[in-house]
Protein backbone atom coordinates (compact mmCIF):
# COMPACT_ATOMS: atom_id res chain seq x y z
CA MET A 1 -35.77 38.85 -36.82
CA ALA A 2 -33.19 38.72 -39.59
CA VAL A 3 -31.75 41.95 -40.97
CA GLY A 4 -33.41 41.24 -44.31
CA GLN A 5 -36.82 41.06 -42.63
CA LEU A 6 -36.21 44.36 -40.84
CA VAL A 7 -35.21 46.02 -44.12
CA GLU A 8 -38.30 44.60 -45.82
CA ALA A 9 -40.35 46.10 -42.97
CA GLY A 10 -39.01 49.55 -43.91
CA LEU A 11 -35.95 49.99 -41.69
CA SER A 12 -32.65 51.14 -43.15
CA HIS A 13 -29.40 49.59 -41.99
CA ASP A 14 -28.68 52.76 -40.03
CA ALA A 15 -32.09 52.49 -38.36
CA VAL A 16 -31.32 48.90 -37.41
CA LEU A 17 -27.98 49.94 -35.87
CA HIS A 18 -29.69 52.75 -33.97
CA ARG A 19 -32.23 50.36 -32.47
CA VAL A 20 -29.44 47.98 -31.49
CA LYS A 21 -27.69 50.81 -29.62
CA GLN A 22 -30.96 51.74 -27.92
CA GLY A 23 -31.52 48.17 -26.80
CA TRP A 24 -34.71 47.63 -28.80
CA LEU A 25 -32.93 45.05 -30.90
CA ARG A 26 -30.72 42.48 -29.20
CA ARG A 27 -28.20 40.54 -31.24
CA VAL A 28 -28.58 36.76 -31.01
CA HIS A 29 -26.52 35.69 -34.02
CA ARG A 30 -24.85 37.60 -36.79
CA GLY A 31 -27.63 39.38 -38.67
CA VAL A 32 -30.37 38.08 -36.33
CA TYR A 33 -31.95 40.09 -33.53
CA LEU A 34 -34.57 39.74 -30.83
CA LEU A 35 -37.14 42.50 -30.87
CA GLY A 36 -37.74 44.11 -27.47
CA PRO A 37 -37.00 42.75 -24.00
CA LEU A 38 -39.26 39.67 -24.08
CA GLU A 39 -38.62 36.19 -25.47
CA THR A 40 -41.00 33.37 -26.29
CA PRO A 41 -40.00 29.78 -25.44
CA TYR A 42 -39.00 29.32 -29.08
CA SER A 43 -37.30 32.64 -29.84
CA ARG A 44 -33.84 31.10 -29.80
CA ALA A 45 -34.93 28.26 -32.06
CA LEU A 46 -36.31 30.68 -34.66
CA ALA A 47 -33.19 32.81 -34.38
CA ALA A 48 -30.99 29.79 -35.09
CA VAL A 49 -32.98 28.91 -38.20
CA LEU A 50 -32.87 32.50 -39.44
CA ALA A 51 -29.12 32.63 -38.84
CA CYS A 52 -28.63 29.66 -41.16
CA GLY A 53 -30.42 31.31 -44.09
CA ASP A 54 -33.15 30.37 -46.53
CA GLY A 55 -34.21 26.74 -46.54
CA ALA A 56 -32.87 26.01 -43.06
CA LEU A 57 -35.01 23.79 -40.82
CA LEU A 58 -35.01 23.19 -37.11
CA SER A 59 -34.20 19.49 -36.69
CA HIS A 60 -33.12 16.61 -34.46
CA ARG A 61 -33.79 16.98 -30.73
CA ALA A 62 -34.62 20.69 -31.06
CA ALA A 63 -37.38 19.80 -33.53
CA ALA A 64 -38.60 17.06 -31.17
CA VAL A 65 -38.97 19.67 -28.41
CA LEU A 66 -40.87 21.96 -30.77
CA TRP A 67 -43.28 19.13 -31.71
CA GLY A 68 -43.77 18.27 -28.04
CA LEU A 69 -42.19 14.83 -28.36
CA VAL A 70 -39.46 15.26 -25.72
CA ALA A 71 -39.03 17.57 -22.77
CA PRO A 72 -37.15 20.89 -22.94
CA PRO A 73 -34.57 22.31 -22.89
CA MET A 74 -33.28 22.25 -26.46
CA HIS A 75 -29.61 22.49 -25.39
CA ALA A 76 -27.60 23.01 -28.59
CA ILE A 77 -30.05 23.90 -31.34
CA HIS A 78 -29.83 21.60 -34.36
CA VAL A 79 -30.54 23.04 -37.80
CA THR A 80 -30.52 21.14 -41.09
CA VAL A 81 -29.57 22.96 -44.30
CA GLY A 82 -29.26 21.82 -47.89
CA ARG A 83 -26.12 23.77 -48.65
CA ASP A 84 -22.72 24.58 -47.18
CA ALA A 85 -22.99 26.15 -43.76
CA ARG A 86 -20.96 25.98 -40.60
CA SER A 87 -21.93 25.27 -37.02
CA ARG A 88 -21.57 28.23 -34.73
CA ASP A 89 -21.91 28.99 -31.05
CA GLY A 90 -25.15 27.34 -29.88
CA ILE A 91 -26.08 25.99 -33.33
CA ARG A 92 -25.25 22.51 -34.63
CA VAL A 93 -25.59 22.50 -38.42
CA HIS A 94 -26.36 19.33 -40.43
CA ARG A 95 -25.86 19.48 -44.19
CA THR A 96 -28.23 17.24 -46.11
CA THR A 97 -31.15 17.40 -48.52
CA ILE A 98 -34.61 17.15 -46.98
CA HIS A 99 -37.52 15.78 -49.02
CA PRO A 100 -40.09 18.58 -49.64
CA ALA A 101 -42.75 16.59 -47.78
CA ASP A 102 -40.55 16.67 -44.67
CA ALA A 103 -40.18 20.46 -44.57
CA THR A 104 -42.96 22.21 -42.69
CA ARG A 105 -43.65 24.87 -40.03
CA ARG A 106 -44.75 24.82 -36.41
CA HIS A 107 -45.37 27.96 -34.35
CA GLY A 108 -44.07 29.85 -37.38
CA ILE A 109 -40.70 28.08 -37.29
CA PRO A 110 -39.42 26.07 -40.29
CA VAL A 111 -38.93 22.54 -38.99
CA THR A 112 -38.53 18.95 -40.13
CA SER A 113 -41.70 16.85 -40.18
CA PRO A 114 -42.45 14.70 -37.11
CA ALA A 115 -41.49 11.53 -39.01
CA ARG A 116 -38.15 12.94 -40.20
CA THR A 117 -37.56 14.34 -36.71
CA LEU A 118 -37.96 10.85 -35.23
CA LEU A 119 -35.46 9.46 -37.75
CA ASP A 120 -32.92 12.08 -36.64
CA VAL A 121 -33.65 11.44 -32.96
CA ALA A 122 -33.03 7.74 -33.60
CA ALA A 123 -29.57 8.62 -34.89
CA THR A 124 -28.48 11.16 -32.28
CA THR A 125 -30.44 10.60 -29.04
CA PRO A 126 -31.76 7.02 -29.30
CA ARG A 127 -32.44 6.81 -25.54
CA GLU A 128 -35.29 9.27 -26.09
CA LEU A 129 -36.70 7.55 -29.16
CA ASP A 130 -39.32 5.35 -27.49
CA ARG A 131 -40.83 8.24 -25.57
CA ALA A 132 -40.75 10.54 -28.60
CA LEU A 133 -42.34 7.86 -30.79
CA ASN A 134 -45.09 7.22 -28.25
CA GLU A 135 -45.87 10.93 -27.97
CA ALA A 136 -45.94 11.28 -31.76
CA HIS A 137 -48.54 8.50 -31.96
CA VAL A 138 -50.61 9.88 -29.08
CA LEU A 139 -50.62 13.35 -30.67
CA ARG A 140 -51.39 11.76 -34.07
CA LEU A 141 -48.41 13.43 -35.70
CA VAL A 142 -47.21 10.29 -37.49
CA THR A 143 -48.63 7.19 -39.11
CA ASP A 144 -47.08 3.85 -39.98
CA LEU A 145 -46.92 5.04 -43.59
CA SER A 146 -45.16 8.34 -42.80
CA LEU A 147 -42.57 6.52 -40.69
CA ASN A 148 -41.91 3.81 -43.27
CA GLU A 149 -41.55 6.45 -46.01
CA GLN A 150 -38.44 7.71 -44.22
CA PHE A 151 -36.51 4.57 -45.08
CA SER A 152 -37.00 5.01 -48.84
CA ARG A 153 -36.49 8.78 -48.77
CA TYR A 154 -33.23 8.62 -46.83
CA PRO A 155 -31.43 5.35 -47.59
CA GLY A 156 -28.37 4.90 -45.42
CA HIS A 157 -29.51 7.29 -42.68
CA ARG A 158 -27.83 6.44 -39.36
CA GLY A 159 -31.16 6.36 -37.54
CA THR A 160 -32.73 3.70 -39.77
CA ALA A 161 -31.88 0.62 -37.69
CA ALA A 162 -33.05 2.14 -34.39
CA LEU A 163 -36.28 3.50 -35.86
CA ARG A 164 -37.06 0.19 -37.60
CA GLU A 165 -36.64 -1.61 -34.30
CA ALA A 166 -38.76 0.94 -32.44
CA ILE A 167 -41.69 0.57 -34.85
CA ARG A 168 -41.39 -3.21 -35.17
CA PRO A 169 -44.96 -4.54 -34.97
CA GLU A 170 -45.87 -5.71 -31.50
CA PRO A 171 -47.99 -8.79 -30.88
CA LYS A 172 -51.50 -7.87 -29.86
CA LEU A 173 -51.33 -9.66 -26.55
CA THR A 174 -54.44 -9.72 -24.43
CA ARG A 175 -54.07 -9.07 -20.75
CA SER A 176 -54.43 -12.78 -19.93
CA GLU A 177 -51.82 -13.77 -22.52
CA ALA A 178 -49.33 -11.23 -21.21
CA GLU A 179 -49.88 -12.37 -17.63
CA ARG A 180 -49.48 -16.03 -18.68
CA ARG A 181 -46.09 -15.23 -20.19
CA ALA A 182 -45.08 -13.45 -16.99
CA LEU A 183 -46.13 -16.41 -14.85
CA GLU A 184 -44.23 -18.83 -17.10
CA LEU A 185 -41.12 -16.69 -16.71
CA ILE A 186 -41.57 -16.58 -12.92
CA GLY A 187 -41.93 -20.36 -12.84
CA ARG A 188 -38.83 -20.99 -14.97
CA ALA A 189 -36.83 -18.66 -12.72
CA ARG A 190 -38.14 -20.50 -9.64
CA LEU A 191 -39.35 -17.30 -8.04
CA PRO A 192 -42.14 -17.31 -5.43
CA GLU A 193 -45.56 -17.61 -7.05
CA PRO A 194 -47.60 -14.38 -6.86
CA GLU A 195 -51.30 -13.82 -6.38
CA THR A 196 -52.95 -12.77 -9.63
CA ASN A 197 -55.72 -10.28 -10.42
CA VAL A 198 -56.39 -9.31 -6.82
CA LYS A 199 -57.59 -5.98 -5.45
CA VAL A 200 -55.25 -3.72 -3.51
CA ALA A 201 -56.44 -0.34 -2.22
CA GLY A 202 -59.48 -0.62 -4.46
CA HIS A 203 -57.46 -1.37 -7.61
CA GLU A 204 -57.09 -4.70 -9.38
CA VAL A 205 -53.42 -5.53 -9.91
CA ASP A 206 -51.85 -8.13 -12.18
CA LEU A 207 -49.33 -9.81 -9.87
CA LEU A 208 -48.95 -9.37 -6.12
CA TRP A 209 -46.35 -10.61 -3.67
CA ARG A 210 -48.14 -9.62 -0.50
CA ALA A 211 -45.37 -10.25 2.04
CA GLU A 212 -42.84 -8.34 -0.06
CA ARG A 213 -45.41 -5.61 -0.81
CA LEU A 214 -44.44 -5.85 -4.47
CA ILE A 215 -46.88 -5.35 -7.34
CA VAL A 216 -46.01 -6.10 -10.95
CA GLU A 217 -48.17 -4.79 -13.79
CA VAL A 218 -47.70 -6.37 -17.21
CA ASP A 219 -48.00 -3.73 -19.94
CA GLY A 220 -48.84 -4.65 -23.52
CA TYR A 221 -49.30 -2.27 -26.44
CA ALA A 222 -52.78 -3.61 -27.15
CA PHE A 223 -54.12 -2.32 -23.87
CA HIS A 224 -51.75 0.48 -22.78
CA SER A 225 -51.18 2.54 -25.91
CA MET A 226 -53.28 5.66 -25.36
CA ARG A 227 -52.57 8.70 -23.20
CA ARG A 228 -55.80 8.19 -21.22
CA SER A 229 -54.74 4.67 -20.22
CA PHE A 230 -51.21 5.83 -19.51
CA GLU A 231 -52.36 8.59 -17.14
CA HIS A 232 -54.88 6.32 -15.40
CA ASP A 233 -52.16 3.76 -14.75
CA ARG A 234 -49.83 6.39 -13.28
CA ARG A 235 -52.54 7.70 -10.95
CA ARG A 236 -53.17 4.14 -9.76
CA ASP A 237 -49.43 3.61 -9.21
CA GLN A 238 -49.34 6.73 -7.05
CA VAL A 239 -52.18 5.44 -4.87
CA LEU A 240 -50.44 2.09 -4.41
CA LEU A 241 -47.12 3.71 -3.63
CA ALA A 242 -48.82 5.89 -1.02
CA ARG A 243 -50.09 2.68 0.63
CA GLY A 244 -46.55 1.35 0.90
CA TYR A 245 -46.44 -0.94 -2.14
CA ARG A 246 -43.68 -1.00 -4.70
CA VAL A 247 -44.96 -1.03 -8.29
CA MET A 248 -42.98 -2.44 -11.23
CA ARG A 249 -44.11 -2.41 -14.84
CA VAL A 250 -42.94 -5.13 -17.21
CA THR A 251 -43.48 -4.89 -20.97
CA TRP A 252 -44.11 -7.70 -23.43
CA ARG A 253 -40.78 -6.93 -25.10
CA GLN A 254 -38.97 -7.47 -21.82
CA LEU A 255 -40.78 -10.78 -21.38
CA SER A 256 -39.99 -12.01 -24.88
CA ASP A 257 -36.65 -10.36 -25.68
CA GLU A 258 -35.01 -10.00 -22.25
CA PRO A 259 -36.38 -12.85 -20.10
CA GLU A 260 -33.19 -13.45 -18.11
CA ALA A 261 -32.70 -9.77 -17.29
CA THR A 262 -36.38 -9.42 -16.39
CA ALA A 263 -36.25 -12.44 -14.09
CA ALA A 264 -33.11 -11.09 -12.43
CA THR A 265 -34.81 -7.73 -11.84
CA LEU A 266 -37.84 -9.45 -10.28
CA ALA A 267 -35.59 -11.57 -8.07
CA THR A 268 -33.77 -8.47 -6.85
CA ALA A 269 -37.04 -6.66 -6.14
CA LEU A 270 -38.40 -9.65 -4.21
CA SER A 271 -35.26 -9.78 -2.08
CA LEU A 272 -35.79 -6.18 -0.97
CA ARG A 273 -38.68 -6.10 1.45
CA SER A 274 -40.12 -2.68 2.25
């Protein structure tokens, strides 16, 4: 809690100091205290926002953790403010103006909207963008409209290019079309021809090199975009791995945008027999 909140609750400054000495209040930042011995998973995040004053918002990767888009920990806690403020120990301050529609609350903590959070993640931790974007869609925290609004609200933002690329419309490939592209790539690379759509350990797999015990599954957004499908696929992979098969997943973007690298990866995998 901030000192101002404690005073509003009826404590004098002397009473606050007394509770600090008694250990009931623990200083986290200047003018911000934890109440009692226990912390919630987000106590430090709220303390950082309170330390930065009115209008401050949890942002960037810290906001992505709060929204459940990336895995903890928060590391340095990022806070965005619309006025002059300085970073301090454990808090990275960003000074910029946030559109009112992108200022909200989660678990009682002022935070940037999921769409604005993704734009900031694109600028600072782009390696986590795809996962964060997928989670945001699965949790229904963003829409195509809310993401595209970011580009007009924040022209010149450093995350624009990466976010535009991440949300670039994907072709709605059917399973057969995706597999056809994979087989064409395998043929051009002169790799051994696999068996297709055969059952292994009770599961139908896309491509199988039986002697090499290698299975390749071709993922396309049209048929692997929901959490239920994602979790089913991972359970199936675990069964196949337990039976001694190696499982690789190839995406349509790898097939279309990175064919040489994808072919090289397949060739390496085929050269390594279990």
